[in-house]
Amino acid sequence: MAYVWFEILEKMSKETRQQITNDLDGRTMVGEYIGSQDHQHLVKYSRVTIIFYAIIDNYSEESCWPCSRSWAFFKKYGLDVVHI
């Protein structure tokens, strides 16, 4: 999963990588690793990636950000999201 994350980061410009690093300070993104032939789920995916679905403030009482806020963050950085 880490290799996939680093591949996602490598596709970003240096400035964007720095911005997402700053934006994620004190936060954790939650996602699902998909597409691995060795670890397939019931749904077979055509590519290997991470699809994200939540962001957690590490020092907050809240369980996670509201979906609309998380989706806006993922969209800002061109990240794949779980479709609901």
N, C-alpha and C. Protein backbone atom coordinates (compact mmCIF):
# COMPACT_ATOMS: atom_id res chain seq x y z
N MET A 1 0.83 -1.19 0.00
CA MET A 1 0.00 0.00 0.00
C MET A 1 0.88 1.25 0.00
N ALA A 2 1.97 1.21 0.74
CA ALA A 2 2.87 2.37 0.78
C ALA A 2 3.45 2.66 -0.59
N TYR A 3 3.80 1.60 -1.35
CA TYR A 3 4.33 1.81 -2.70
C TYR A 3 3.31 2.54 -3.58
N VAL A 4 2.06 2.17 -3.45
CA VAL A 4 1.02 2.82 -4.24
C VAL A 4 0.89 4.29 -3.84
N TRP A 5 0.95 4.57 -2.53
CA TRP A 5 0.86 5.95 -2.07
C TRP A 5 2.02 6.77 -2.61
N PHE A 6 3.23 6.20 -2.58
CA PHE A 6 4.39 6.93 -3.10
C PHE A 6 4.28 7.14 -4.61
N GLU A 7 3.67 6.21 -5.33
CA GLU A 7 3.43 6.41 -6.77
C GLU A 7 2.46 7.56 -7.00
N ILE A 8 1.43 7.65 -6.17
CA ILE A 8 0.47 8.76 -6.27
C ILE A 8 1.20 10.08 -6.04
N LEU A 9 2.03 10.12 -5.00
CA LEU A 9 2.77 11.35 -4.69
C LEU A 9 3.73 11.73 -5.81
N GLU A 10 4.38 10.74 -6.43
CA GLU A 10 5.34 11.02 -7.49
C GLU A 10 4.70 11.68 -8.69
N LYS A 11 3.40 11.47 -8.90
CA LYS A 11 2.69 12.07 -10.02
C LYS A 11 2.37 13.54 -9.77
N MET A 12 2.50 13.98 -8.51
CA MET A 12 2.21 15.37 -8.15
C MET A 12 3.47 16.22 -8.33
N SER A 13 3.25 17.49 -8.58
CA SER A 13 4.39 18.41 -8.64
C SER A 13 4.99 18.55 -7.23
N LYS A 14 6.21 19.02 -7.19
CA LYS A 14 6.88 19.22 -5.90
C LYS A 14 6.07 20.16 -5.00
N GLU A 15 5.51 21.20 -5.59
CA GLU A 15 4.72 22.17 -4.83
C GLU A 15 3.45 21.53 -4.28
N THR A 16 2.79 20.72 -5.10
CA THR A 16 1.57 20.04 -4.65
C THR A 16 1.88 19.05 -3.54
N ARG A 17 2.99 18.30 -3.68
CA ARG A 17 3.39 17.36 -2.62
C ARG A 17 3.62 18.10 -1.31
N GLN A 18 4.25 19.26 -1.39
CA GLN A 18 4.50 20.03 -0.18
C GLN A 18 3.19 20.53 0.42
N GLN A 19 2.27 20.96 -0.44
CA GLN A 19 0.98 21.47 0.04
C GLN A 19 0.16 20.36 0.70
N ILE A 20 0.11 19.18 0.09
CA ILE A 20 -0.68 18.09 0.69
C ILE A 20 -0.03 17.65 2.01
N THR A 21 1.30 17.67 2.05
CA THR A 21 2.00 17.34 3.30
C THR A 21 1.61 18.32 4.40
N ASN A 22 1.58 19.60 4.06
CA ASN A 22 1.18 20.61 5.04
C ASN A 22 -0.28 20.45 5.45
N ASP A 23 -1.15 20.21 4.47
CA ASP A 23 -2.58 20.07 4.74
C ASP A 23 -2.89 18.83 5.59
N LEU A 24 -2.05 17.81 5.48
CA LEU A 24 -2.27 16.58 6.24
C LEU A 24 -1.58 16.57 7.61
N ASP A 25 -0.88 17.64 7.94
CA ASP A 25 -0.21 17.70 9.24
C ASP A 25 -1.25 17.55 10.35
N GLY A 26 -1.11 16.51 11.16
CA GLY A 26 -2.06 16.27 12.25
C GLY A 26 -3.33 15.56 11.81
N ARG A 27 -3.33 15.04 10.58
CA ARG A 27 -4.51 14.37 10.04
C ARG A 27 -4.11 13.03 9.42
N THR A 28 -5.09 12.15 9.30
CA THR A 28 -4.88 10.85 8.69
C THR A 28 -5.96 10.62 7.64
N MET A 29 -5.54 10.24 6.43
CA MET A 29 -6.50 9.86 5.40
C MET A 29 -6.77 8.36 5.54
N VAL A 30 -8.01 7.98 5.30
CA VAL A 30 -8.41 6.58 5.37
C VAL A 30 -8.84 6.16 3.97
N GLY A 31 -8.29 5.03 3.52
CA GLY A 31 -8.63 4.55 2.20
C GLY A 31 -8.51 3.05 2.11
N GLU A 32 -8.94 2.54 0.98
CA GLU A 32 -8.90 1.10 0.73
C GLU A 32 -7.94 0.83 -0.42
N TYR A 33 -7.03 -0.11 -0.20
CA TYR A 33 -6.09 -0.56 -1.21
C TYR A 33 -6.82 -1.53 -2.12
N ILE A 34 -6.90 -1.20 -3.41
CA ILE A 34 -7.67 -2.03 -4.34
C ILE A 34 -6.81 -2.50 -5.50
N GLY A 35 -7.24 -3.58 -6.12
CA GLY A 35 -6.67 -4.02 -7.37
C GLY A 35 -5.53 -5.00 -7.29
N SER A 36 -5.04 -5.30 -6.11
CA SER A 36 -3.94 -6.26 -5.98
C SER A 36 -4.45 -7.66 -6.31
N GLN A 37 -3.77 -8.33 -7.21
CA GLN A 37 -4.17 -9.69 -7.59
C GLN A 37 -4.00 -10.66 -6.42
N ASP A 38 -3.11 -10.34 -5.49
CA ASP A 38 -2.87 -11.20 -4.33
C ASP A 38 -3.87 -10.96 -3.20
N HIS A 39 -4.57 -9.84 -3.25
CA HIS A 39 -5.48 -9.48 -2.16
C HIS A 39 -6.80 -8.96 -2.73
N GLN A 40 -7.44 -9.73 -3.59
CA GLN A 40 -8.68 -9.29 -4.22
C GLN A 40 -9.86 -9.39 -3.27
N HIS A 41 -10.75 -8.44 -3.39
CA HIS A 41 -12.02 -8.46 -2.67
C HIS A 41 -13.06 -9.12 -3.57
N LEU A 42 -14.29 -9.00 -3.19
CA LEU A 42 -15.37 -9.53 -4.02
C LEU A 42 -15.45 -8.79 -5.35
N VAL A 43 -15.13 -7.51 -5.33
CA VAL A 43 -15.13 -6.71 -6.55
C VAL A 43 -13.73 -6.77 -7.15
N LYS A 44 -13.63 -7.12 -8.41
CA LYS A 44 -12.33 -7.15 -9.09
C LYS A 44 -12.11 -5.80 -9.75
N TYR A 45 -10.99 -5.17 -9.40
CA TYR A 45 -10.66 -3.86 -9.94
C TYR A 45 -9.64 -4.02 -11.06
N SER A 46 -9.68 -3.12 -12.01
CA SER A 46 -8.80 -3.20 -13.17
C SER A 46 -7.46 -2.51 -12.95
N ARG A 47 -7.31 -1.81 -11.83
CA ARG A 47 -6.05 -1.12 -11.56
C ARG A 47 -5.75 -1.18 -10.07
N VAL A 48 -4.50 -0.97 -9.75
CA VAL A 48 -4.06 -0.96 -8.36
C VAL A 48 -3.97 0.49 -7.92
N THR A 49 -4.66 0.83 -6.84
CA THR A 49 -4.61 2.20 -6.30
C THR A 49 -5.17 2.19 -4.88
N ILE A 50 -5.33 3.36 -4.34
CA ILE A 50 -6.01 3.55 -3.05
C ILE A 50 -7.21 4.44 -3.32
N ILE A 51 -8.38 3.99 -2.85
CA ILE A 51 -9.55 4.85 -2.95
C ILE A 51 -9.86 5.34 -1.53
N PHE A 52 -9.92 6.65 -1.39
CA PHE A 52 -10.04 7.27 -0.08
C PHE A 52 -11.50 7.54 0.27
N TYR A 53 -11.79 7.55 1.58
CA TYR A 53 -13.16 7.81 1.99
C TYR A 53 -13.30 8.61 3.27
N ALA A 54 -12.22 8.93 3.95
CA ALA A 54 -12.35 9.71 5.18
C ALA A 54 -11.04 10.41 5.52
N ILE A 55 -11.17 11.47 6.29
CA ILE A 55 -10.02 12.16 6.87
C ILE A 55 -10.31 12.35 8.35
N ILE A 56 -9.32 12.05 9.16
CA ILE A 56 -9.46 12.15 10.61
C ILE A 56 -8.49 13.19 11.13
N ASP A 57 -9.00 14.12 11.94
CA ASP A 57 -8.11 15.02 12.69
C ASP A 57 -7.58 14.21 13.87
N ASN A 58 -6.29 14.03 13.92
CA ASN A 58 -5.68 13.14 14.93
C ASN A 58 -5.92 13.60 16.36
N TYR A 59 -6.16 14.88 16.57
CA TYR A 59 -6.29 15.40 17.93
C TYR A 59 -7.68 15.95 18.21
N SER A 60 -8.69 15.38 17.56
CA SER A 60 -10.05 15.87 17.68
C SER A 60 -10.93 14.81 18.35
N GLU A 61 -11.99 15.26 18.97
CA GLU A 61 -12.98 14.36 19.55
C GLU A 61 -13.88 13.77 18.47
N GLU A 62 -13.95 14.44 17.30
CA GLU A 62 -14.80 13.97 16.20
C GLU A 62 -14.19 12.71 15.59
N SER A 63 -15.06 11.81 15.09
CA SER A 63 -14.55 10.58 14.47
C SER A 63 -13.87 10.86 13.13
N CYS A 64 -14.44 11.76 12.34
CA CYS A 64 -13.82 12.13 11.06
C CYS A 64 -14.50 13.38 10.52
N TRP A 65 -13.90 13.93 9.46
CA TRP A 65 -14.49 15.10 8.81
C TRP A 65 -15.83 14.70 8.17
N PRO A 66 -16.72 15.67 7.97
CA PRO A 66 -17.93 15.39 7.19
C PRO A 66 -17.53 14.96 5.77
N CYS A 67 -18.33 14.11 5.16
CA CYS A 67 -18.01 13.59 3.82
C CYS A 67 -17.75 14.70 2.82
N SER A 68 -18.56 15.74 2.83
CA SER A 68 -18.40 16.80 1.84
C SER A 68 -17.03 17.48 1.97
N ARG A 69 -16.56 17.66 3.18
CA ARG A 69 -15.24 18.28 3.40
C ARG A 69 -14.12 17.33 2.94
N SER A 70 -14.25 16.05 3.26
CA SER A 70 -13.24 15.08 2.83
C SER A 70 -13.20 14.99 1.31
N TRP A 71 -14.38 14.91 0.67
CA TRP A 71 -14.44 14.78 -0.78
C TRP A 71 -13.82 16.01 -1.44
N ALA A 72 -14.04 17.20 -0.89
CA ALA A 72 -13.45 18.42 -1.45
C ALA A 72 -11.92 18.34 -1.37
N PHE A 73 -11.41 17.83 -0.26
CA PHE A 73 -9.96 17.67 -0.09
C PHE A 73 -9.41 16.69 -1.13
N PHE A 74 -10.05 15.53 -1.27
CA PHE A 74 -9.59 14.53 -2.23
C PHE A 74 -9.63 15.08 -3.65
N LYS A 75 -10.70 15.81 -3.98
CA LYS A 75 -10.84 16.39 -5.31
C LYS A 75 -9.73 17.41 -5.55
N LYS A 76 -9.42 18.21 -4.56
CA LYS A 76 -8.37 19.23 -4.67
C LYS A 76 -7.06 18.62 -5.12
N TYR A 77 -6.77 17.40 -4.64
CA TYR A 77 -5.51 16.75 -4.97
C TYR A 77 -5.64 15.65 -6.01
N GLY A 78 -6.81 15.52 -6.62
CA GLY A 78 -7.01 14.54 -7.68
C GLY A 78 -6.92 13.10 -7.21
N LEU A 79 -7.31 12.84 -5.96
CA LEU A 79 -7.26 11.50 -5.40
C LEU A 79 -8.55 10.75 -5.68
N ASP A 80 -8.44 9.44 -5.82
CA ASP A 80 -9.63 8.61 -6.03
C ASP A 80 -10.42 8.52 -4.74
N VAL A 81 -11.75 8.51 -4.88
CA VAL A 81 -12.63 8.41 -3.71
C VAL A 81 -13.60 7.26 -3.89
N VAL A 82 -14.08 6.75 -2.78
CA VAL A 82 -15.11 5.73 -2.79
C VAL A 82 -16.41 6.40 -3.24
N HIS A 83 -17.08 5.80 -4.19
CA HIS A 83 -18.35 6.37 -4.67
C HIS A 83 -19.49 5.81 -3.83
N ILE A 84 -20.29 6.73 -3.30
CA ILE A 84 -21.43 6.32 -2.49
C ILE A 84 -22.69 6.92 -3.05
